Amino acid sequence: MGKRDYPEEFTDDYVELETEAQQKTKAKISIRPFIIEDFSDIKPALDALREGYTITLLNIRPLKEKDVVELKRAIGKVKKTCEAIDGDIAGFGDDWIVATPGFAKVHRGGVQDEDQITAPI
């Protein structure tokens, strides 16, 4: 008989398959910026949040200058998504929002410079 006492027809040509454990790679966390010029621009940011490995930084200045009503609608959508995934959301500065998935929380307080303190959204 052939290798490992298998019949020769089973040892000539074979394909080695990876197990599920070998296919999984260690997930990395991303911090990804998004520019929000329109309400529809939040969809990629929300999709990234839902995947669970991305902290999003949202530049809301273009939408704020364009349409405040749409800005409030977009922020409301991000807040609801954060609540649904047990994430966190906070504003910093006048033009940025950070939104995190459930594994991360935004630190609030303890910063000496008032301009750097995150504001609840």
PDB file of N, CA and C in Angstrom:
ATOM      1  N   MET A   1       0.836  -1.186   0.000  1.00  0.00           N
ATOM      2  CA  MET A   1       0.000   0.000   0.000  1.00  0.00           C
ATOM      3  C   MET A   1       0.876   1.244   0.000  1.00  0.00           C
ATOM      4  N   GLY A   2       0.212   2.433  -0.168  1.00  0.00           N
ATOM      5  CA  GLY A   2       0.949   3.684  -0.279  1.00  0.00           C
ATOM      6  C   GLY A   2       1.198   4.332   1.060  1.00  0.00           C
ATOM      7  N   LYS A   3       1.226   5.661   1.037  1.00  0.00           N
ATOM      8  CA  LYS A   3       1.462   6.455   2.238  1.00  0.00           C
ATOM      9  C   LYS A   3       0.391   6.166   3.282  1.00  0.00           C
ATOM     10  N   ARG A   4       0.818   6.053   4.527  1.00  0.00           N
ATOM     11  CA  ARG A   4      -0.064   5.844   5.668  1.00  0.00           C
ATOM     12  C   ARG A   4      -1.000   4.649   5.472  1.00  0.00           C
ATOM     13  N   ASP A   5      -0.585   3.680   4.735  1.00  0.00           N
ATOM     14  CA  ASP A   5      -1.364   2.468   4.494  1.00  0.00           C
ATOM     15  C   ASP A   5      -2.707   2.721   3.831  1.00  0.00           C
ATOM     16  N   TYR A   6      -2.791   3.781   3.012  1.00  0.00           N
ATOM     17  CA  TYR A   6      -3.988   4.022   2.225  1.00  0.00           C
ATOM     18  C   TYR A   6      -3.774   3.397   0.860  1.00  0.00           C
ATOM     19  N   PRO A   7      -4.841   2.963   0.222  1.00  0.00           N
ATOM     20  CA  PRO A   7      -4.691   2.459  -1.146  1.00  0.00           C
ATOM     21  C   PRO A   7      -4.113   3.549  -2.037  1.00  0.00           C
ATOM     22  N   GLU A   8      -3.361   3.167  -3.027  1.00  0.00           N
ATOM     23  CA  GLU A   8      -2.645   4.119  -3.878  1.00  0.00           C
ATOM     24  C   GLU A   8      -3.569   5.105  -4.576  1.00  0.00           C
ATOM     25  N   GLU A   9      -4.790   4.711  -4.928  1.00  0.00           N
ATOM     26  CA  GLU A   9      -5.704   5.635  -5.612  1.00  0.00           C
ATOM     27  C   GLU A   9      -6.096   6.820  -4.722  1.00  0.00           C
ATOM     28  N   PHE A  10      -5.905   6.682  -3.402  1.00  0.00           N
ATOM     29  CA  PHE A  10      -6.230   7.783  -2.494  1.00  0.00           C
ATOM     30  C   PHE A  10      -5.035   8.671  -2.177  1.00  0.00           C
ATOM     31  N   THR A  11      -3.855   8.322  -2.600  1.00  0.00           N
ATOM     32  CA  THR A  11      -2.670   9.093  -2.238  1.00  0.00           C
ATOM     33  C   THR A  11      -2.040   9.821  -3.409  1.00  0.00           C
ATOM     34  N   ASP A  12      -2.453   9.520  -4.636  1.00  0.00           N
ATOM     35  CA  ASP A  12      -1.819  10.137  -5.798  1.00  0.00           C
ATOM     36  C   ASP A  12      -2.115  11.631  -5.893  1.00  0.00           C
ATOM     37  N   ASP A  13      -3.369  11.997  -5.994  1.00  0.00           N
ATOM     38  CA  ASP A  13      -3.760  13.400  -6.147  1.00  0.00           C
ATOM     39  C   ASP A  13      -4.708  13.766  -5.018  1.00  0.00           C
ATOM     40  N   TYR A  14      -4.355  14.776  -4.301  1.00  0.00           N
ATOM     41  CA  TYR A  14      -5.228  15.225  -3.237  1.00  0.00           C
ATOM     42  C   TYR A  14      -5.096  16.729  -3.084  1.00  0.00           C
ATOM     43  N   VAL A  15      -6.091  17.306  -2.484  1.00  0.00           N
ATOM     44  CA  VAL A  15      -6.101  18.738  -2.205  1.00  0.00           C
ATOM     45  C   VAL A  15      -6.216  18.889  -0.708  1.00  0.00           C
ATOM     46  N   GLU A  16      -5.325  19.686  -0.131  1.00  0.00           N
ATOM     47  CA  GLU A  16      -5.387  19.937   1.300  1.00  0.00           C
ATOM     48  C   GLU A  16      -6.290  21.135   1.523  1.00  0.00           C
ATOM     49  N   LEU A  17      -7.305  20.955   2.357  1.00  0.00           N
ATOM     50  CA  LEU A  17      -8.252  22.021   2.653  1.00  0.00           C
ATOM     51  C   LEU A  17      -7.883  22.686   3.964  1.00  0.00           C
ATOM     52  N   GLU A  18      -8.052  24.011   3.997  1.00  0.00           N
ATOM     53  CA  GLU A  18      -7.784  24.726   5.240  1.00  0.00           C
ATOM     54  C   GLU A  18      -8.960  24.539   6.184  1.00  0.00           C
ATOM     55  N   THR A  19      -8.661  24.399   7.432  1.00  0.00           N
ATOM     56  CA  THR A  19      -9.734  24.319   8.419  1.00  0.00           C
ATOM     57  C   THR A  19     -10.245  25.717   8.709  1.00  0.00           C
ATOM     58  N   GLU A  20     -11.387  25.797   9.341  1.00  0.00           N
ATOM     59  CA  GLU A  20     -11.977  27.095   9.669  1.00  0.00           C
ATOM     60  C   GLU A  20     -11.044  27.916  10.552  1.00  0.00           C
ATOM     61  N   ALA A  21     -10.346  27.280  11.457  1.00  0.00           N
ATOM     62  CA  ALA A  21      -9.433  27.992  12.354  1.00  0.00           C
ATOM     63  C   ALA A  21      -8.277  28.608  11.573  1.00  0.00           C
ATOM     64  N   GLN A  22      -7.829  27.946  10.522  1.00  0.00           N
ATOM     65  CA  GLN A  22      -6.738  28.482   9.727  1.00  0.00           C
ATOM     66  C   GLN A  22      -7.200  29.651   8.874  1.00  0.00           C
ATOM     67  N   GLN A  23      -8.467  29.665   8.471  1.00  0.00           N
ATOM     68  CA  GLN A  23      -8.968  30.717   7.608  1.00  0.00           C
ATOM     69  C   GLN A  23      -9.178  32.027   8.356  1.00  0.00           C
ATOM     70  N   LYS A  24      -9.486  31.952   9.635  1.00  0.00           N
ATOM     71  CA  LYS A  24      -9.737  33.165  10.410  1.00  0.00           C
ATOM     72  C   LYS A  24      -8.411  33.857  10.705  1.00  0.00           C
ATOM     73  N   THR A  25      -8.382  35.144  10.437  1.00  0.00           N
ATOM     74  CA  THR A  25      -7.214  35.935  10.787  1.00  0.00           C
ATOM     75  C   THR A  25      -7.609  36.865  11.917  1.00  0.00           C
ATOM     76  N   LYS A  26      -6.638  37.296  12.631  1.00  0.00           N
ATOM     77  CA  LYS A  26      -6.909  38.188  13.749  1.00  0.00           C
ATOM     78  C   LYS A  26      -7.441  39.517  13.203  1.00  0.00           C
ATOM     79  N   ALA A  27      -8.601  39.917  13.693  1.00  0.00           N
ATOM     80  CA  ALA A  27      -9.232  41.150  13.226  1.00  0.00           C
ATOM     81  C   ALA A  27      -8.471  42.361  13.756  1.00  0.00           C
ATOM     82  N   LYS A  28      -8.322  43.342  12.900  1.00  0.00           N
ATOM     83  CA  LYS A  28      -7.675  44.578  13.304  1.00  0.00           C
ATOM     84  C   LYS A  28      -8.724  45.673  13.396  1.00  0.00           C
ATOM     85  N   ILE A  29      -8.503  46.561  14.304  1.00  0.00           N
ATOM     86  CA  ILE A  29      -9.397  47.697  14.494  1.00  0.00           C
ATOM     87  C   ILE A  29      -8.933  48.824  13.582  1.00  0.00           C
ATOM     88  N   SER A  30      -9.894  49.463  12.924  1.00  0.00           N
ATOM     89  CA  SER A  30      -9.595  50.593  12.052  1.00  0.00           C
ATOM     90  C   SER A  30     -10.192  51.859  12.642  1.00  0.00           C
ATOM     91  N   ILE A  31      -9.529  52.958  12.415  1.00  0.00           N
ATOM     92  CA  ILE A  31     -10.079  54.275  12.701  1.00  0.00           C
ATOM     93  C   ILE A  31     -10.174  54.942  11.342  1.00  0.00           C
ATOM     94  N   ARG A  32     -11.407  55.224  10.933  1.00  0.00           N
ATOM     95  CA  ARG A  32     -11.616  55.637   9.543  1.00  0.00           C
ATOM     96  C   ARG A  32     -12.386  56.953   9.478  1.00  0.00           C
ATOM     97  N   PRO A  33     -11.851  57.929   8.734  1.00  0.00           N
ATOM     98  CA  PRO A  33     -12.552  59.205   8.585  1.00  0.00           C
ATOM     99  C   PRO A  33     -13.562  59.153   7.434  1.00  0.00           C
ATOM    100  N   PHE A  34     -14.653  59.863   7.598  1.00  0.00           N
ATOM    101  CA  PHE A  34     -15.679  60.005   6.566  1.00  0.00           C
ATOM    102  C   PHE A  34     -16.043  61.476   6.469  1.00  0.00           C
ATOM    103  N   ILE A  35     -16.249  61.956   5.262  1.00  0.00           N
ATOM    104  CA  ILE A  35     -16.712  63.328   5.044  1.00  0.00           C
ATOM    105  C   ILE A  35     -18.190  63.243   4.708  1.00  0.00           C
ATOM    106  N   ILE A  36     -19.006  63.952   5.466  1.00  0.00           N
ATOM    107  CA  ILE A  36     -20.450  63.898   5.297  1.00  0.00           C
ATOM    108  C   ILE A  36     -20.904  65.173   4.583  1.00  0.00           C
ATOM    109  N   GLU A  37     -21.136  65.044   3.281  1.00  0.00           N
ATOM    110  CA  GLU A  37     -21.602  66.173   2.480  1.00  0.00           C
ATOM    111  C   GLU A  37     -23.103  66.097   2.227  1.00  0.00           C
ATOM    112  N   ASP A  38     -23.666  64.894   2.386  1.00  0.00           N
ATOM    113  CA  ASP A  38     -25.074  64.648   2.116  1.00  0.00           C
ATOM    114  C   ASP A  38     -25.548  63.552   3.061  1.00  0.00           C
ATOM    115  N   PHE A  39     -26.848  63.467   3.301  1.00  0.00           N
ATOM    116  CA  PHE A  39     -27.379  62.445   4.197  1.00  0.00           C
ATOM    117  C   PHE A  39     -26.945  61.044   3.762  1.00  0.00           C
ATOM    118  N   SER A  40     -26.907  60.797   2.484  1.00  0.00           N
ATOM    119  CA  SER A  40     -26.538  59.466   1.979  1.00  0.00           C
ATOM    120  C   SER A  40     -25.087  59.100   2.269  1.00  0.00           C
ATOM    121  N   ASP A  41     -24.257  60.074   2.589  1.00  0.00           N
ATOM    122  CA  ASP A  41     -22.842  59.807   2.885  1.00  0.00           C
ATOM    123  C   ASP A  41     -22.646  59.082   4.208  1.00  0.00           C
ATOM    124  N   ILE A  42     -23.678  58.991   5.049  1.00  0.00           N
ATOM    125  CA  ILE A  42     -23.496  58.296   6.331  1.00  0.00           C
ATOM    126  C   ILE A  42     -23.584  56.781   6.186  1.00  0.00           C
ATOM    127  N   LYS A  43     -24.160  56.286   5.083  1.00  0.00           N
ATOM    128  CA  LYS A  43     -24.338  54.844   4.929  1.00  0.00           C
ATOM    129  C   LYS A  43     -23.025  54.068   5.029  1.00  0.00           C
ATOM    130  N   PRO A  44     -21.955  54.443   4.320  1.00  0.00           N
ATOM    131  CA  PRO A  44     -20.698  53.690   4.469  1.00  0.00           C
ATOM    132  C   PRO A  44     -20.153  53.724   5.901  1.00  0.00           C
ATOM    133  N   ALA A  45     -20.328  54.834   6.582  1.00  0.00           N
ATOM    134  CA  ALA A  45     -19.868  54.932   7.975  1.00  0.00           C
ATOM    135  C   ALA A  45     -20.683  54.000   8.864  1.00  0.00           C
ATOM    136  N   LEU A  46     -21.993  53.965   8.665  1.00  0.00           N
ATOM    137  CA  LEU A  46     -22.850  53.083   9.456  1.00  0.00           C
ATOM    138  C   LEU A  46     -22.544  51.613   9.170  1.00  0.00           C
ATOM    139  N   ASP A  47     -22.300  51.294   7.911  1.00  0.00           N
ATOM    140  CA  ASP A  47     -21.937  49.919   7.552  1.00  0.00           C
ATOM    141  C   ASP A  47     -20.643  49.503   8.243  1.00  0.00           C
ATOM    142  N   ALA A  48     -19.666  50.413   8.269  1.00  0.00           N
ATOM    143  CA  ALA A  48     -18.393  50.122   8.937  1.00  0.00           C
ATOM    144  C   ALA A  48     -18.606  49.912  10.437  1.00  0.00           C
ATOM    145  N   LEU A  49     -19.456  50.723  11.046  1.00  0.00           N
ATOM    146  CA  LEU A  49     -19.756  50.569  12.472  1.00  0.00           C
ATOM    147  C   LEU A  49     -20.411  49.223  12.755  1.00  0.00           C
ATOM    148  N   ARG A  50     -21.354  48.845  11.916  1.00  0.00           N
ATOM    149  CA  ARG A  50     -22.077  47.587  12.124  1.00  0.00           C
ATOM    150  C   ARG A  50     -21.174  46.366  11.999  1.00  0.00           C
ATOM    151  N   GLU A  51     -20.139  46.465  11.167  1.00  0.00           N
ATOM    152  CA  GLU A  51     -19.201  45.349  11.036  1.00  0.00           C
ATOM    153  C   GLU A  51     -18.468  45.103  12.346  1.00  0.00           C
ATOM    154  N   GLY A  52     -18.300  46.147  13.154  1.00  0.00           N
ATOM    155  CA  GLY A  52     -17.778  45.987  14.499  1.00  0.00           C
ATOM    156  C   GLY A  52     -16.294  46.175  14.696  1.00  0.00           C
ATOM    157  N   TYR A  53     -15.555  46.543  13.667  1.00  0.00           N
ATOM    158  CA  TYR A  53     -14.108  46.695  13.810  1.00  0.00           C
ATOM    159  C   TYR A  53     -13.615  48.094  13.438  1.00  0.00           C
ATOM    160  N   THR A  54     -14.545  49.052  13.275  1.00  0.00           N
ATOM    161  CA  THR A  54     -14.156  50.378  12.819  1.00  0.00           C
ATOM    162  C   THR A  54     -14.696  51.466  13.740  1.00  0.00           C
ATOM    163  N   ILE A  55     -13.806  52.339  14.152  1.00  0.00           N
ATOM    164  CA  ILE A  55     -14.176  53.571  14.848  1.00  0.00           C
ATOM    165  C   ILE A  55     -14.248  54.636  13.757  1.00  0.00           C
ATOM    166  N   THR A  56     -15.385  55.327  13.672  1.00  0.00           N
ATOM    167  CA  THR A  56     -15.569  56.290  12.592  1.00  0.00           C
ATOM    168  C   THR A  56     -15.391  57.714  13.091  1.00  0.00           C
ATOM    169  N   LEU A  57     -14.723  58.502  12.287  1.00  0.00           N
ATOM    170  CA  LEU A  57     -14.580  59.938  12.517  1.00  0.00           C
ATOM    171  C   LEU A  57     -15.348  60.626  11.403  1.00  0.00           C
ATOM    172  N   LEU A  58     -16.389  61.343  11.764  1.00  0.00           N
ATOM    173  CA  LEU A  58     -17.268  61.957  10.776  1.00  0.00           C
ATOM    174  C   LEU A  58     -17.045  63.461  10.720  1.00  0.00           C
ATOM    175  N   ASN A  59     -16.604  63.943   9.570  1.00  0.00           N
ATOM    176  CA  ASN A  59     -16.466  65.383   9.359  1.00  0.00           C
ATOM    177  C   ASN A  59     -17.817  65.879   8.856  1.00  0.00           C
ATOM    178  N   ILE A  60     -18.534  66.595   9.717  1.00  0.00           N
ATOM    179  CA  ILE A  60     -19.891  67.025   9.396  1.00  0.00           C
ATOM    180  C   ILE A  60     -19.958  68.450   8.857  1.00  0.00           C
ATOM    181  N   ARG A  61     -18.838  69.127   8.746  1.00  0.00           N
ATOM    182  CA  ARG A  61     -18.838  70.530   8.321  1.00  0.00           C
ATOM    183  C   ARG A  61     -19.527  70.746   6.967  1.00  0.00           C
ATOM    184  N   PRO A  62     -19.223  69.949   5.924  1.00  0.00           N
ATOM    185  CA  PRO A  62     -19.886  70.216   4.637  1.00  0.00           C
ATOM    186  C   PRO A  62     -21.414  70.148   4.712  1.00  0.00           C
ATOM    187  N   LEU A  63     -21.958  69.166   5.437  1.00  0.00           N
ATOM    188  CA  LEU A  63     -23.411  69.065   5.558  1.00  0.00           C
ATOM    189  C   LEU A  63     -23.965  70.166   6.452  1.00  0.00           C
ATOM    190  N   LYS A  64     -23.219  70.538   7.470  1.00  0.00           N
ATOM    191  CA  LYS A  64     -23.660  71.608   8.378  1.00  0.00           C
ATOM    192  C   LYS A  64     -23.786  72.921   7.617  1.00  0.00           C
ATOM    193  N   GLU A  65     -22.852  73.183   6.709  1.00  0.00           N
ATOM    194  CA  GLU A  65     -22.897  74.412   5.920  1.00  0.00           C
ATOM    195  C   GLU A  65     -23.979  74.366   4.847  1.00  0.00           C
ATOM    196  N   LYS A  66     -24.362  73.168   4.446  1.00  0.00           N
ATOM    197  CA  LYS A  66     -25.318  72.989   3.358  1.00  0.00           C
ATOM    198  C   LYS A  66     -26.766  72.929   3.851  1.00  0.00           C
ATOM    199  N   ASP A  67     -27.039  72.080   4.875  1.00  0.00           N
ATOM    200  CA  ASP A  67     -28.422  71.843   5.298  1.00  0.00           C
ATOM    201  C   ASP A  67     -28.453  71.328   6.734  1.00  0.00           C
ATOM    202  N   VAL A  68     -28.802  72.192   7.677  1.00  0.00           N
ATOM    203  CA  VAL A  68     -28.798  71.841   9.093  1.00  0.00           C
ATOM    204  C   VAL A  68     -29.861  70.787   9.410  1.00  0.00           C
ATOM    205  N   VAL A  69     -30.996  70.832   8.722  1.00  0.00           N
ATOM    206  CA  VAL A  69     -32.053  69.847   8.946  1.00  0.00           C
ATOM    207  C   VAL A  69     -31.553  68.443   8.567  1.00  0.00           C
ATOM    208  N   GLU A  70     -30.889  68.333   7.431  1.00  0.00           N
ATOM    209  CA  GLU A  70     -30.324  67.043   7.015  1.00  0.00           C
ATOM    210  C   GLU A  70     -29.207  66.603   7.962  1.00  0.00           C
ATOM    211  N   LEU A  71     -28.453  67.555   8.495  1.00  0.00           N
ATOM    212  CA  LEU A  71     -27.407  67.241   9.462  1.00  0.00           C
ATOM    213  C   LEU A  71     -28.030  66.601  10.703  1.00  0.00           C
ATOM    214  N   LYS A  72     -29.091  67.190  11.224  1.00  0.00           N
ATOM    215  CA  LYS A  72     -29.756  66.624  12.402  1.00  0.00           C
ATOM    216  C   LYS A  72     -30.301  65.231  12.101  1.00  0.00           C
ATOM    217  N   ARG A  73     -30.834  65.052  10.927  1.00  0.00           N
ATOM    218  CA  ARG A  73     -31.344  63.743  10.514  1.00  0.00           C
ATOM    219  C   ARG A  73     -30.208  62.714  10.453  1.00  0.00           C
ATOM    220  N   ALA A  74     -29.066  63.111   9.886  1.00  0.00           N
ATOM    221  CA  ALA A  74     -27.916  62.215   9.778  1.00  0.00           C
ATOM    222  C   ALA A  74     -27.376  61.850  11.157  1.00  0.00           C
ATOM    223  N   ILE A  75     -27.251  62.834  12.035  1.00  0.00           N
ATOM    224  CA  ILE A  75     -26.750  62.572  13.387  1.00  0.00           C
ATOM    225  C   ILE A  75     -27.712  61.655  14.132  1.00  0.00           C
ATOM    226  N   GLY A  76     -29.006  61.868  13.951  1.00  0.00           N
ATOM    227  CA  GLY A  76     -29.996  60.990  14.573  1.00  0.00           C
ATOM    228  C   GLY A  76     -29.841  59.546  14.113  1.00  0.00           C
ATOM    229  N   LYS A  77     -29.577  59.354  12.847  1.00  0.00           N
ATOM    230  CA  LYS A  77     -29.378  58.010  12.298  1.00  0.00           C
ATOM    231  C   LYS A  77     -28.123  57.361  12.895  1.00  0.00           C
ATOM    232  N   VAL A  78     -27.057  58.124  13.025  1.00  0.00           N
ATOM    233  CA  VAL A  78     -25.819  57.602  13.617  1.00  0.00           C
ATOM    234  C   VAL A  78     -26.060  57.252  15.088  1.00  0.00           C
ATOM    235  N   LYS A  79     -26.776  58.110  15.810  1.00  0.00           N
ATOM    236  CA  LYS A  79     -27.077  57.839  17.221  1.00  0.00           C
ATOM    237  C   LYS A  79     -27.871  56.547  17.377  1.00  0.00           C
ATOM    238  N   LYS A  80     -28.886  56.351  16.562  1.00  0.00           N
ATOM    239  CA  LYS A  80     -29.700  55.138  16.644  1.00  0.00           C
ATOM    240  C   LYS A  80     -28.870  53.897  16.341  1.00  0.00           C
ATOM    241  N   THR A  81     -27.988  54.002  15.382  1.00  0.00           N
ATOM    242  CA  THR A  81     -27.124  52.863  15.062  1.00  0.00           C
ATOM    243  C   THR A  81     -26.198  52.554  16.222  1.00  0.00           C
ATOM    244  N   CYS A  82     -25.618  53.586  16.825  1.00  0.00           N
ATOM    245  CA  CYS A  82     -24.736  53.380  17.984  1.00  0.00           C
ATOM    246  C   CYS A  82     -25.496  52.731  19.139  1.00  0.00           C
ATOM    247  N   GLU A  83     -26.706  53.167  19.372  1.00  0.00           N
ATOM    248  CA  GLU A  83     -27.515  52.560  20.434  1.00  0.00           C
ATOM    249  C   GLU A  83     -27.795  51.091  20.130  1.00  0.00           C
ATOM    250  N   ALA A  84     -28.093  50.787  18.873  1.00  0.00           N
ATOM    251  CA  ALA A  84     -28.429  49.417  18.484  1.00  0.00           C
ATOM    252  C   ALA A  84     -27.249  48.460  18.633  1.00  0.00           C
ATOM    253  N   ILE A  85     -26.038  48.960  18.426  1.00  0.00           N
ATOM    254  CA  ILE A  85     -24.855  48.093  18.506  1.00  0.00           C
ATOM    255  C   ILE A  85     -24.116  48.266  19.830  1.00  0.00           C
ATOM    256  N   ASP A  86     -24.724  48.984  20.763  1.00  0.00           N
ATOM    257  CA  ASP A  86     -24.131  49.279  22.067  1.00  0.00           C
ATOM    258  C   ASP A  86     -22.821  50.046  21.914  1.00  0.00           C
ATOM    259  N   GLY A  87     -22.797  50.933  20.928  1.00  0.00           N
ATOM    260  CA  GLY A  87     -21.617  51.748  20.682  1.00  0.00           C
ATOM    261  C   GLY A  87     -21.689  53.066  21.424  1.00  0.00           C
ATOM    262  N   ASP A  88     -20.891  54.007  20.980  1.00  0.00           N
ATOM    263  CA  ASP A  88     -20.816  55.312  21.628  1.00  0.00           C
ATOM    264  C   ASP A  88     -20.663  56.372  20.552  1.00  0.00           C
ATOM    265  N   ILE A  89     -21.113  57.578  20.851  1.00  0.00           N
ATOM    266  CA  ILE A  89     -21.014  58.693  19.915  1.00  0.00           C
ATOM    267  C   ILE A  89     -20.754  59.967  20.704  1.00  0.00           C
ATOM    268  N   ALA A  90     -19.909  60.822  20.169  1.00  0.00           N
ATOM    269  CA  ALA A  90     -19.624  62.109  20.815  1.00  0.00           C
ATOM    270  C   ALA A  90     -19.104  63.072  19.761  1.00  0.00           C
ATOM    271  N   GLY A  91     -19.324  64.347  20.018  1.00  0.00           N
ATOM    272  CA  GLY A  91     -18.789  65.385  19.157  1.00  0.00           C
ATOM    273  C   GLY A  91     -17.508  65.934  19.738  1.00  0.00           C
ATOM    274  N   PHE A  92     -16.617  66.348  18.859  1.00  0.00           N
ATOM    275  CA  PHE A  92     -15.440  67.072  19.337  1.00  0.00           C
ATOM    276  C   PHE A  92     -15.136  68.172  18.345  1.00  0.00           C
ATOM    277  N   GLY A  93     -14.808  69.315  18.889  1.00  0.00           N
ATOM    278  CA  GLY A  93     -14.703  70.490  18.035  1.00  0.00           C
ATOM    279  C   GLY A  93     -16.083  70.835  17.509  1.00  0.00           C
ATOM    280  N   ASP A  94     -16.138  71.685  16.516  1.00  0.00           N
ATOM    281  CA  ASP A  94     -17.420  72.077  15.929  1.00  0.00           C
ATOM    282  C   ASP A  94     -17.816  71.211  14.743  1.00  0.00           C
ATOM    283  N   ASP A  95     -16.863  70.489  14.180  1.00  0.00           N
ATOM    284  CA  ASP A  95     -17.109  69.843  12.895  1.00  0.00           C
ATOM    285  C   ASP A  95     -16.898  68.328  12.877  1.00  0.00           C
ATOM    286  N   TRP A  96     -16.641  67.720  14.007  1.00  0.00           N
ATOM    287  CA  TRP A  96     -16.328  66.294  14.012  1.00  0.00           C
ATOM    288  C   TRP A  96     -17.189  65.526  15.007  1.00  0.00           C
ATOM    289  N   ILE A  97     -17.521  64.304  14.624  1.00  0.00           N
ATOM    290  CA  ILE A  97     -18.222  63.362  15.493  1.00  0.00           C
ATOM    291  C   ILE A  97     -17.439  62.061  15.447  1.00  0.00           C
ATOM    292  N   VAL A  98     -17.285  61.433  16.592  1.00  0.00           N
ATOM    293  CA  VAL A  98     -16.681  60.112  16.641  1.00  0.00           C
ATOM    294  C   VAL A  98     -17.788  59.135  17.037  1.00  0.00           C
ATOM    295  N   ALA A  99     -17.844  58.008  16.333  1.00  0.00           N
ATOM    296  CA  ALA A  99     -18.815  56.957  16.638  1.00  0.00           C
ATOM    297  C   ALA A  99     -18.053  55.638  16.718  1.00  0.00           C
ATOM    298  N   THR A 100     -18.349  54.872  17.763  1.00  0.00           N
ATOM    299  CA  THR A 100     -17.608  53.630  17.992  1.00  0.00           C
ATOM    300  C   THR A 100     -18.555  52.439  18.067  1.00  0.00           C
ATOM    301  N   PRO A 101     -18.054  51.260  17.705  1.00  0.00           N
ATOM    302  CA  PRO A 101     -18.831  50.043  17.942  1.00  0.00           C
ATOM    303  C   PRO A 101     -18.790  49.686  19.426  1.00  0.00           C
ATOM    304  N   GLY A 102     -19.418  48.593  19.792  1.00  0.00           N
ATOM    305  CA  GLY A 102     -19.593  48.236  21.192  1.00  0.00           C
ATOM    306  C   GLY A 102     -18.328  47.993  21.990  1.00  0.00           C
ATOM    307  N   PHE A 103     -17.210  47.672  21.349  1.00  0.00           N
ATOM    308  CA  PHE A 103     -15.995  47.364  22.102  1.00  0.00           C
ATOM    309  C   PHE A 103     -15.282  48.608  22.612  1.00  0.00           C
ATOM    310  N   ALA A 104     -15.689  49.807  22.152  1.00  0.00           N
ATOM    311  CA  ALA A 104     -14.981  51.032  22.531  1.00  0.00           C
ATOM    312  C   ALA A 104     -15.954  52.065  23.078  1.00  0.00           C
ATOM    313  N   LYS A 105     -15.477  52.860  23.984  1.00  0.00           N
ATOM    314  CA  LYS A 105     -16.246  53.973  24.529  1.00  0.00           C
ATOM    315  C   LYS A 105     -15.412  55.244  24.382  1.00  0.00           C
ATOM    316  N   VAL A 106     -16.101  56.374  24.227  1.00  0.00           N
ATOM    317  CA  VAL A 106     -15.433  57.666  24.112  1.00  0.00           C
ATOM    318  C   VAL A 106     -15.190  58.193  25.514  1.00  0.00           C
ATOM    319  N   HIS A 107     -13.950  58.559  25.812  1.00  0.00           N
ATOM    320  CA  HIS A 107     -13.605  59.118  27.120  1.00  0.00           C
ATOM    321  C   HIS A 107     -14.155  60.535  27.216  1.00  0.00           C
ATOM    322  N   ARG A 108     -14.822  60.799  28.301  1.00  0.00           N
ATOM    323  CA  ARG A 108     -15.369  62.131  28.537  1.00  0.00           C
ATOM    324  C   ARG A 108     -14.852  62.628  29.886  1.00  0.00           C
ATOM    325  N   GLY A 109     -14.335  63.849  29.879  1.00  0.00           N
ATOM    326  CA  GLY A 109     -13.858  64.434  31.127  1.00  0.00           C
ATOM    327  C   GLY A 109     -12.389  64.149  31.362  1.00  0.00           C
ATOM    328  N   GLY A 110     -11.836  64.867  32.292  1.00  0.00           N
ATOM    329  CA  GLY A 110     -10.436  64.681  32.640  1.00  0.00           C
ATOM    330  C   GLY A 110      -9.471  65.408  31.728  1.00  0.00           C
ATOM    331  N   VAL A 111      -9.979  66.103  30.721  1.00  0.00           N
ATOM    332  CA  VAL A 111      -9.128  66.856  29.806  1.00  0.00           C
ATOM    333  C   VAL A 111      -9.036  68.285  30.325  1.00  0.00           C
ATOM    334  N   GLN A 112      -7.844  68.836  30.351  1.00  0.00           N
ATOM    335  CA  GLN A 112      -7.643  70.173  30.900  1.00  0.00           C
ATOM    336  C   GLN A 112      -8.142  71.273  29.967  1.00  0.00           C
ATOM    337  N   ASP A 113      -7.956  71.104  28.666  1.00  0.00           N
ATOM    338  CA  ASP A 113      -8.325  72.129  27.698  1.00  0.00           C
ATOM    339  C   ASP A 113      -9.805  71.971  27.338  1.00  0.00           C
ATOM    340  N   GLU A 114     -10.635  72.994  27.605  1.00  0.00           N
ATOM    341  CA  GLU A 114     -12.069  72.908  27.356  1.00  0.00           C
ATOM    342  C   GLU A 114     -12.400  72.655  25.907  1.00  0.00           C
ATOM    343  N   ASP A 115     -11.559  73.123  24.968  1.00  0.00           N
ATOM    344  CA  ASP A 115     -11.828  72.933  23.553  1.00  0.00           C
ATOM    345  C   ASP A 115     -11.743  71.455  23.158  1.00  0.00           C
ATOM    346  N   GLN A 116     -11.067  70.640  23.950  1.00  0.00           N
ATOM    347  CA  GLN A 116     -10.879  69.237  23.607  1.00  0.00           C
ATOM    348  C   GLN A 116     -11.894  68.314  24.266  1.00  0.00           C
ATOM    349  N   ILE A 117     -12.690  68.830  25.173  1.00  0.00           N
ATOM    350  CA  ILE A 117     -13.667  67.992  25.861  1.00  0.00           C
ATOM    351  C   ILE A 117     -14.753  67.578  24.888  1.00  0.00           C
ATOM    352  N   THR A 118     -15.071  66.301  24.880  1.00  0.00           N
ATOM    353  CA  THR A 118     -16.099  65.805  23.984  1.00  0.00           C
ATOM    354  C   THR A 118     -17.470  66.188  24.517  1.00  0.00           C
ATOM    355  N   ALA A 119     -18.331  66.524  23.615  1.00  0.00           N
ATOM    356  CA  ALA A 119     -19.695  66.890  23.980  1.00  0.00           C
ATOM    357  C   ALA A 119     -20.630  65.750  23.642  1.00  0.00           C
ATOM    358  N   PRO A 120     -21.591  65.476  24.504  1.00  0.00           N
ATOM    359  CA  PRO A 120     -22.555  64.423  24.176  1.00  0.00           C
ATOM    360  C   PRO A 120     -23.378  64.829  22.965  1.00  0.00           C
ATOM    361  N   ILE A 121     -23.734  63.864  22.183  1.00  0.00           N
ATOM    362  CA  ILE A 121     -24.533  64.127  20.975  1.00  0.00           C
ATOM    363  C   ILE A 121     -25.957  63.733  21.260  1.00  0.00           C
TER     364      ILE A 121
END
